């Protein structure tokens, strides 16, 4: 019932121009009208409001979980420590080691939980859209990742980072005519682009599919008549299954984005640089 109410809240205002008329989801859902400050640089629409709410909620949860740290942890402290240890152990220290992992742990931790919080809003009733499904958030995070791994490489080897990135050792000089442009594009162009598009497209497509399944369910059961209500049962089942899958995708995308950022930092810190 909660899922069906979620679907009704999501699809009724946007997908039915007239009673009984079905309209598929469109890209316009990712550009809602302004709620406040329309026409100014501080314009806030529904997606921006969701971002603000989730950022504040994330800060409050971590503040509550860490405000009274004890040797024998409470249940809330234990959950907070488990969440933080997941990033620290499985991403930062596994890829960067204890020393460098500790250096870059704050940015990796903030990145993981921010992406997770923004992704999961796509299946929360009343929010119904991922805050990362518009290019602004994925692009900013990709720029942060990009600046971080370049900073790490320059900090480790100020004179040789770009040289070793563009002119890998052991390659005959004539081959650099081919290798150097490939390295330039793959390292300094493709990395931020793929980080942005991977997160953006997964969240966009997931939202559109959920809307399509539940809009079809609403149409088949309430308006279509005939044998179509039976078909609505199947579309609802697919929508329910895909909702569970979307939760998995939300977690995986946060993990993959953070993991790739750590990998890029690791490559920048490699001895060859």
Protein backbone atom coordinates (compact mmCIF):
# COMPACT_ATOMS: atom_id res chain seq x y z
CA UNK A 1 0.00 0.00 0.00
CA UNK A 2 2.87 2.36 0.77
CA UNK A 3 4.38 1.69 -2.66
CA UNK A 4 1.03 2.23 -4.36
CA UNK A 5 0.49 5.49 -2.44
CA UNK A 6 4.02 6.50 -3.41
CA UNK A 7 3.23 5.78 -7.05
CA UNK A 8 -0.06 7.67 -6.94
CA UNK A 9 1.62 10.71 -5.39
CA UNK A 10 4.31 10.56 -8.04
CA UNK A 11 2.30 10.03 -11.19
CA UNK A 12 -1.04 11.72 -10.61
CA UNK A 13 0.06 15.37 -10.96
CA UNK A 14 2.47 14.82 -13.82
CA UNK A 15 1.36 11.94 -15.97
CA UNK A 16 -2.38 12.45 -16.30
CA UNK A 17 -3.39 15.57 -18.14
CA UNK A 18 -7.01 14.40 -18.11
CA UNK A 19 -8.78 11.64 -16.23
CA UNK A 20 -8.16 8.29 -17.88
CA UNK A 21 -5.49 9.57 -20.25
CA UNK A 22 -2.07 7.98 -19.99
CA UNK A 23 1.11 9.96 -20.56
CA UNK A 24 4.54 8.35 -20.32
CA UNK A 25 7.25 9.93 -18.15
CA UNK A 26 9.31 12.65 -19.75
CA UNK A 27 12.55 14.52 -19.20
CA UNK A 28 10.55 17.52 -17.98
CA UNK A 29 10.15 15.84 -14.59
CA UNK A 30 13.79 16.66 -13.88
CA UNK A 31 13.12 20.39 -14.36
CA UNK A 32 10.31 21.23 -11.93
CA UNK A 33 9.07 24.82 -11.54
CA UNK A 34 10.73 27.10 -9.02
CA UNK A 35 9.36 27.21 -5.49
CA UNK A 36 11.26 30.26 -4.28
CA UNK A 37 13.54 32.96 -5.68
CA UNK A 38 12.53 32.31 -9.28
CA UNK A 39 14.79 33.94 -11.84
CA UNK A 40 17.65 34.49 -9.40
CA UNK A 41 20.93 32.57 -8.88
CA UNK A 42 19.38 31.27 -5.61
CA UNK A 43 16.33 29.72 -7.26
CA UNK A 44 15.06 26.69 -5.34
CA UNK A 45 12.92 24.05 -7.00
CA UNK A 46 11.71 20.69 -5.70
CA UNK A 47 14.95 18.83 -6.47
CA UNK A 48 17.10 21.53 -4.86
CA UNK A 49 14.86 21.43 -1.80
CA UNK A 50 15.33 17.66 -1.58
CA UNK A 51 19.10 18.15 -1.70
CA UNK A 52 18.96 20.65 1.15
CA UNK A 53 16.71 18.41 3.26
CA UNK A 54 18.92 15.35 2.76
CA UNK A 55 22.13 17.28 3.46
CA UNK A 56 20.70 18.62 6.72
CA UNK A 57 19.35 15.18 7.64
CA UNK A 58 22.74 13.58 7.00
CA UNK A 59 24.51 16.15 9.19
CA UNK A 60 21.97 15.68 11.98
CA UNK A 61 22.25 11.88 11.89
CA UNK A 62 26.05 11.94 12.12
CA UNK A 63 25.92 14.61 14.82
CA UNK A 64 23.55 12.48 16.89
CA UNK A 65 25.65 9.38 16.30
CA UNK A 66 28.93 10.99 17.34
CA UNK A 67 28.04 13.66 19.92
CA UNK A 68 28.55 11.39 22.94
CA UNK A 69 31.20 8.85 22.06
CA UNK A 70 31.67 6.09 24.62
CA UNK A 71 34.12 3.25 25.13
CA UNK A 72 31.13 0.91 25.25
CA UNK A 73 29.14 2.27 22.31
CA UNK A 74 25.41 2.79 22.27
CA UNK A 75 23.35 1.32 19.45
CA UNK A 76 23.38 4.62 17.55
CA UNK A 77 27.12 5.01 17.98
CA UNK A 78 27.67 1.42 16.81
CA UNK A 79 25.66 2.02 13.64
CA UNK A 80 27.54 5.24 12.96
CA UNK A 81 30.90 3.57 13.48
CA UNK A 82 29.93 0.66 11.21
CA UNK A 83 28.94 3.08 8.46
CA UNK A 84 32.15 5.09 8.79
CA UNK A 85 34.31 1.96 9.01
CA UNK A 86 32.83 0.69 5.76
CA UNK A 87 34.35 3.61 3.87
CA UNK A 88 37.53 3.69 5.95
CA UNK A 89 38.37 -0.01 5.68
CA UNK A 90 36.80 -1.15 2.42
CA UNK A 91 37.66 1.87 0.29
CA UNK A 92 40.26 4.21 1.79
CA UNK A 93 42.65 1.82 3.54
CA UNK A 94 42.22 -1.07 1.08
CA UNK A 95 43.26 1.10 -1.85
CA UNK A 96 45.44 3.81 -0.33
CA UNK A 97 46.91 2.19 2.75
CA UNK A 98 46.57 3.47 6.29
CA UNK A 99 48.61 6.66 5.89
CA UNK A 100 47.21 7.97 2.61
CA UNK A 101 43.82 6.46 3.41
CA UNK A 102 43.61 8.61 6.52
CA UNK A 103 44.62 11.69 4.53
CA UNK A 104 41.83 11.33 2.02
CA UNK A 105 39.25 9.67 4.28
CA UNK A 106 37.21 12.84 4.99
CA UNK A 107 36.56 13.58 1.33
CA UNK A 108 35.85 9.93 0.48
CA UNK A 109 33.47 9.58 3.42
CA UNK A 110 31.61 12.81 2.60
CA UNK A 111 31.36 11.77 -1.05
CA UNK A 112 29.99 8.29 -0.30
CA UNK A 113 27.28 9.34 2.15
CA UNK A 114 26.28 12.40 0.15
CA UNK A 115 25.76 10.32 -3.00
CA UNK A 116 23.94 7.60 -1.06
CA UNK A 117 21.61 10.10 0.60
CA UNK A 118 20.88 11.87 -2.68
CA UNK A 119 20.33 8.61 -4.55
CA UNK A 120 17.97 7.00 -2.06
CA UNK A 121 15.44 9.83 -2.32
CA UNK A 122 14.26 8.27 -5.57
CA UNK A 123 12.35 5.60 -3.60
CA UNK A 124 11.27 7.64 -0.56
CA UNK A 125 7.51 8.41 -0.61
CA UNK A 126 6.88 12.13 -0.91
CA UNK A 127 10.27 12.80 -2.48
CA UNK A 128 10.10 10.35 -5.37
CA UNK A 129 13.11 11.56 -7.32
CA UNK A 130 16.84 11.15 -6.80
CA UNK A 131 18.53 14.41 -5.91
CA UNK A 132 21.46 13.26 -8.07
CA UNK A 133 19.32 12.76 -11.18
CA UNK A 134 20.07 16.28 -12.44
CA UNK A 135 23.56 16.94 -13.75
CA UNK A 136 24.55 19.58 -11.19
CA UNK A 137 25.35 17.20 -8.32
CA UNK A 138 27.15 14.49 -10.36
CA UNK A 139 29.17 17.17 -12.16
CA UNK A 140 30.25 18.92 -8.96
CA UNK A 141 31.25 15.60 -7.38
CA UNK A 142 33.20 14.63 -10.50
CA UNK A 143 35.05 17.96 -10.37
CA UNK A 144 35.87 17.34 -6.70
CA UNK A 145 37.20 13.90 -7.59
CA UNK A 146 39.18 15.34 -10.51
CA UNK A 147 40.76 18.11 -8.43
CA UNK A 148 41.55 15.68 -5.61
CA UNK A 149 43.49 13.15 -7.65
CA UNK A 150 45.40 15.89 -9.52
CA UNK A 151 46.22 17.53 -6.19
CA UNK A 152 47.40 14.16 -4.81
CA UNK A 153 49.66 13.59 -7.82
CA UNK A 154 51.16 17.09 -7.78
CA UNK A 155 51.68 16.92 -4.01
CA UNK A 156 53.50 13.59 -4.36
CA UNK A 157 55.62 14.56 -7.34
CA UNK A 158 55.34 18.23 -8.35
CA UNK A 159 57.76 18.00 -11.25
CA UNK A 160 56.90 14.61 -12.71
CA UNK A 161 53.16 14.07 -12.25
CA UNK A 162 52.00 15.40 -15.62
CA UNK A 163 55.12 14.13 -17.38
CA UNK A 164 54.66 10.56 -16.14
CA UNK A 165 50.90 10.70 -16.74
CA UNK A 166 51.30 11.74 -20.37
CA UNK A 167 54.61 10.03 -21.14
CA UNK A 168 54.61 6.62 -19.42
CA UNK A 169 58.03 5.06 -18.96
CA UNK A 170 59.21 2.19 -21.11
CA UNK A 171 57.50 3.39 -24.29
CA UNK A 172 59.64 4.07 -27.40
CA UNK A 173 59.74 7.76 -28.26
CA UNK A 174 57.99 7.50 -31.65
CA UNK A 175 55.05 5.72 -30.00
CA UNK A 176 54.40 8.74 -27.79
CA UNK A 177 52.75 10.36 -30.82
CA UNK A 178 49.91 7.88 -30.30
CA UNK A 179 50.17 7.17 -26.56
CA UNK A 180 50.30 10.74 -25.24
CA UNK A 181 46.98 11.93 -26.77
CA UNK A 182 45.31 8.73 -25.53
CA UNK A 183 46.68 9.24 -22.02
CA UNK A 184 45.64 12.89 -22.06
CA UNK A 185 42.06 12.08 -23.03
CA UNK A 186 41.68 9.00 -20.82
CA UNK A 187 43.20 10.56 -17.69
CA UNK A 188 42.14 14.19 -17.81
CA UNK A 189 38.95 14.13 -19.91
CA UNK A 190 37.25 10.73 -19.79
CA UNK A 191 37.57 10.23 -16.03
CA UNK A 192 35.39 13.18 -14.93
CA UNK A 193 33.00 12.69 -17.85
CA UNK A 194 32.39 9.01 -17.07
CA UNK A 195 32.01 9.71 -13.35
CA UNK A 196 29.36 12.32 -14.12
CA UNK A 197 27.43 10.35 -16.72
CA UNK A 198 27.48 7.03 -14.86
CA UNK A 199 25.83 8.49 -11.78
CA UNK A 200 23.50 10.81 -13.67
CA UNK A 201 22.18 8.26 -16.16
CA UNK A 202 21.62 5.51 -13.60
CA UNK A 203 19.50 7.79 -11.45
CA UNK A 204 17.60 9.28 -14.40
CA UNK A 205 16.76 5.94 -15.98
CA UNK A 206 15.79 4.43 -12.63
CA UNK A 207 13.32 7.23 -11.97
CA UNK A 208 11.79 7.03 -15.44
CA UNK A 209 11.30 3.26 -15.17
CA UNK A 210 9.68 3.50 -11.75
CA UNK A 211 7.31 6.19 -12.98
CA UNK A 212 6.47 4.13 -16.05
CA UNK A 213 5.68 0.97 -14.05
CA UNK A 214 3.52 2.69 -11.46
CA UNK A 215 1.82 5.01 -13.96
CA UNK A 216 0.89 1.97 -16.02
CA UNK A 217 -0.41 0.27 -12.88
CA UNK A 218 -2.58 3.27 -12.06
CA UNK A 219 -3.91 3.47 -15.61
CA UNK A 220 -4.60 -0.25 -16.04
CA UNK A 221 -6.36 -0.69 -12.70
CA UNK A 222 -8.39 2.52 -12.47
CA UNK A 223 -9.12 3.53 -16.06
CA UNK A 224 -8.43 0.92 -18.74
CA UNK A 225 -11.16 -1.61 -17.96
CA UNK A 226 -11.56 -5.04 -19.55
CA UNK A 227 -8.70 -7.43 -18.85
CA UNK A 228 -6.22 -4.59 -18.26
CA UNK A 229 -6.58 -4.58 -14.44
CA UNK A 230 -5.03 -8.04 -14.47
CA UNK A 231 -2.13 -6.60 -16.46
CA UNK A 232 -1.85 -3.88 -13.83
CA UNK A 233 -0.99 -6.55 -11.27
CA UNK A 234 2.07 -7.47 -13.32
CA UNK A 235 3.18 -3.86 -13.81
CA UNK A 236 2.82 -3.30 -10.06
CA UNK A 237 4.91 -6.42 -9.37
CA UNK A 238 7.59 -5.19 -11.77
CA UNK A 239 7.47 -1.77 -10.13
CA UNK A 240 7.89 -3.31 -6.68
CA UNK A 241 10.81 -5.46 -7.84
CA UNK A 242 12.46 -2.52 -9.56
CA UNK A 243 12.04 -0.40 -6.43
CA UNK A 244 14.14 -2.95 -4.55
CA UNK A 245 16.63 -2.97 -7.41
CA UNK A 246 16.76 0.83 -7.36
CA UNK A 247 17.74 0.73 -3.68
CA UNK A 248 20.61 -1.58 -4.62
CA UNK A 249 21.61 0.73 -7.47
CA UNK A 250 21.59 3.74 -5.12
CA UNK A 251 24.08 2.00 -2.82
CA UNK A 252 26.21 0.63 -5.65
CA UNK A 253 26.50 3.97 -7.41
CA UNK A 254 27.67 5.65 -4.21
CA UNK A 255 30.20 2.85 -3.71
CA UNK A 256 31.44 2.82 -7.31
CA UNK A 257 31.84 6.61 -7.50
CA UNK A 258 33.80 6.71 -4.23
CA UNK A 259 35.83 3.63 -5.14
CA UNK A 260 36.85 5.07 -8.52
CA UNK A 261 37.85 8.32 -6.85
CA UNK A 262 40.09 6.33 -4.50
CA UNK A 263 41.51 4.39 -7.47
CA UNK A 264 42.36 7.63 -9.28
CA UNK A 265 44.07 8.95 -6.16
CA UNK A 266 46.00 5.70 -5.85
CA UNK A 267 47.18 5.96 -9.47
CA UNK A 268 48.24 9.56 -8.88
CA UNK A 269 50.26 8.47 -5.84
CA UNK A 270 51.93 5.57 -7.65
CA UNK A 271 55.72 5.46 -7.56
CA UNK A 272 56.00 6.23 -11.28
CA UNK A 273 54.56 9.67 -10.52
